[in-house]
Protein backbone atom coordinates (compact mmCIF):
# COMPACT_ATOMS: atom_id res chain seq x y z
CA MET A 1 -0.23 0.23 -0.34
CA ASP A 2 2.78 2.83 0.49
CA GLN A 3 3.94 2.26 -2.92
CA ILE A 4 0.17 2.85 -4.03
CA GLU A 5 0.08 6.11 -1.26
CA GLN A 6 2.86 7.75 -2.50
CA LEU A 7 1.88 7.13 -6.54
CA ILE A 8 -1.69 9.15 -5.57
CA ALA A 9 -0.01 11.63 -3.36
CA ASP A 10 3.11 12.28 -6.35
CA ASN A 11 0.10 12.47 -8.78
CA PHE A 12 -1.99 15.38 -6.47
CA LYS A 13 1.79 16.64 -5.07
CA VAL A 14 0.75 16.10 -1.65
CA LYS A 15 2.33 14.29 1.16
CA ARG A 16 1.39 11.21 1.86
CA SER A 17 -0.26 12.42 5.63
CA ASP A 18 -2.56 14.11 3.51
CA LEU A 19 -4.55 10.82 2.30
CA GLN A 20 -7.12 9.24 4.04
CA ASN A 21 -9.54 6.54 3.39
CA ILE A 22 -7.66 4.95 0.82
CA GLN A 23 -9.58 1.78 0.31
CA LEU A 24 -9.03 -0.77 -3.13
CA ILE A 25 -12.46 -0.85 -4.18
CA GLY A 26 -11.80 -2.47 -7.78
CA SER A 27 -9.19 -4.96 -9.24
CA PHE A 28 -9.81 -5.56 -13.29
CA TYR A 29 -7.60 -7.17 -16.08
CA PHE A 30 -7.40 -5.46 -19.36
CA SER A 31 -10.03 -7.03 -21.44
CA ASP A 32 -13.17 -6.77 -23.37
CA GLU A 33 -15.10 -6.35 -20.83
CA LEU A 34 -12.79 -4.22 -18.68
CA PHE A 35 -15.32 -1.21 -19.05
CA ASP A 36 -18.80 -3.15 -17.95
CA GLU A 37 -16.77 -4.26 -15.20
CA MET A 38 -15.81 -1.03 -14.04
CA SER A 39 -19.05 0.45 -14.50
CA ALA A 40 -20.29 -0.86 -11.47
CA PHE A 41 -17.65 1.53 -9.64
CA LEU A 42 -17.52 4.41 -12.18
CA SER A 43 -20.16 6.67 -13.61
CA ALA A 44 -20.99 5.92 -17.56
CA GLU A 45 -19.15 9.83 -17.93
CA LYS A 46 -16.07 8.81 -16.19
CA ILE A 47 -16.28 4.88 -18.16
CA GLU A 48 -16.53 6.84 -21.33
CA LYS A 49 -13.57 8.95 -20.61
CA LEU A 50 -11.17 6.22 -19.57
CA ARG A 51 -12.33 4.30 -23.24
CA ASP A 52 -11.28 7.60 -24.93
CA SER A 53 -7.69 7.73 -23.41
CA LYS A 54 -7.01 3.96 -23.50
CA ASP A 55 -5.53 3.76 -26.54
CA LYS A 56 -2.92 6.44 -25.31
CA ILE A 57 -1.91 4.61 -22.61
CA GLY A 58 -1.22 0.92 -24.69
CA LEU A 59 -2.69 -1.60 -22.60
CA ASP A 60 -1.98 -5.00 -22.88
CA ALA A 61 -4.20 -8.38 -21.99
CA LEU A 62 -1.93 -8.83 -18.84
CA ASP A 63 -1.95 -5.27 -17.52
CA SER A 64 -3.97 -4.89 -14.26
CA ILE A 65 -5.92 -2.24 -13.15
CA PHE A 66 -7.02 -1.00 -9.87
CA ILE A 67 -9.45 1.60 -8.73
CA TYR A 68 -9.03 3.64 -5.29
CA LYS A 69 -11.39 5.46 -3.21
CA LEU A 70 -9.49 7.98 -1.05
CA THR A 71 -10.86 11.30 0.67
CA LEU A 72 -8.37 14.39 -0.29
CA SER A 73 -8.86 17.99 1.72
CA GLY A 74 -12.08 16.50 2.22
CA LYS A 75 -13.03 15.43 -0.98
CA ASP A 76 -13.82 11.72 -2.19
CA ILE A 77 -11.91 10.70 -5.04
CA PHE A 78 -11.50 7.83 -7.31
CA ALA A 79 -7.81 7.14 -8.54
CA VAL A 80 -7.16 4.73 -11.54
CA VAL A 81 -4.32 3.04 -10.88
CA TYR A 82 -2.77 1.21 -14.04
CA ASP A 83 -0.40 -1.39 -13.51
CA HIS A 84 2.16 -2.69 -15.96
CA TYR A 85 2.60 -6.84 -15.34
CA GLU A 86 5.90 -6.72 -16.15
CA LEU A 87 7.09 -4.03 -13.71
CA TYR A 88 5.13 -5.69 -10.86
CA LEU A 89 4.24 -1.96 -9.47
CA PRO A 90 1.87 0.74 -9.76
CA THR A 91 3.06 1.75 -12.68
CA PHE A 92 1.00 5.37 -13.11
CA ILE A 93 -2.74 6.93 -12.23
CA TRP A 94 -4.18 6.64 -15.27
CA GLU A 95 -6.97 8.95 -14.14
CA THR A 96 -8.61 10.39 -11.22
CA PHE A 97 -12.19 11.42 -10.70
CA GLU A 98 -14.35 13.12 -7.59
CA ALA A 99 -16.36 10.68 -6.44
């Protein structure tokens, strides 16, 4: 969790201690069903934004996608984290949304 917290903190340019209530709420492998599966956690508008940006990041069938929910400055946030299968570490924040 430390790596995830640091990745999210770096993305928002805050200290890890500023992040609260970090929870993993969804874990997925990239597949044709990815966006349908993610719709249980994210709105259609947010899913469409991810769908529009997926070609820019070059998803691979073995890659993992994680959705974290957290609180930052009193706001609930979703962070969609991309994890490349060859690196074994959370690679980058794909997108963030206000919950």
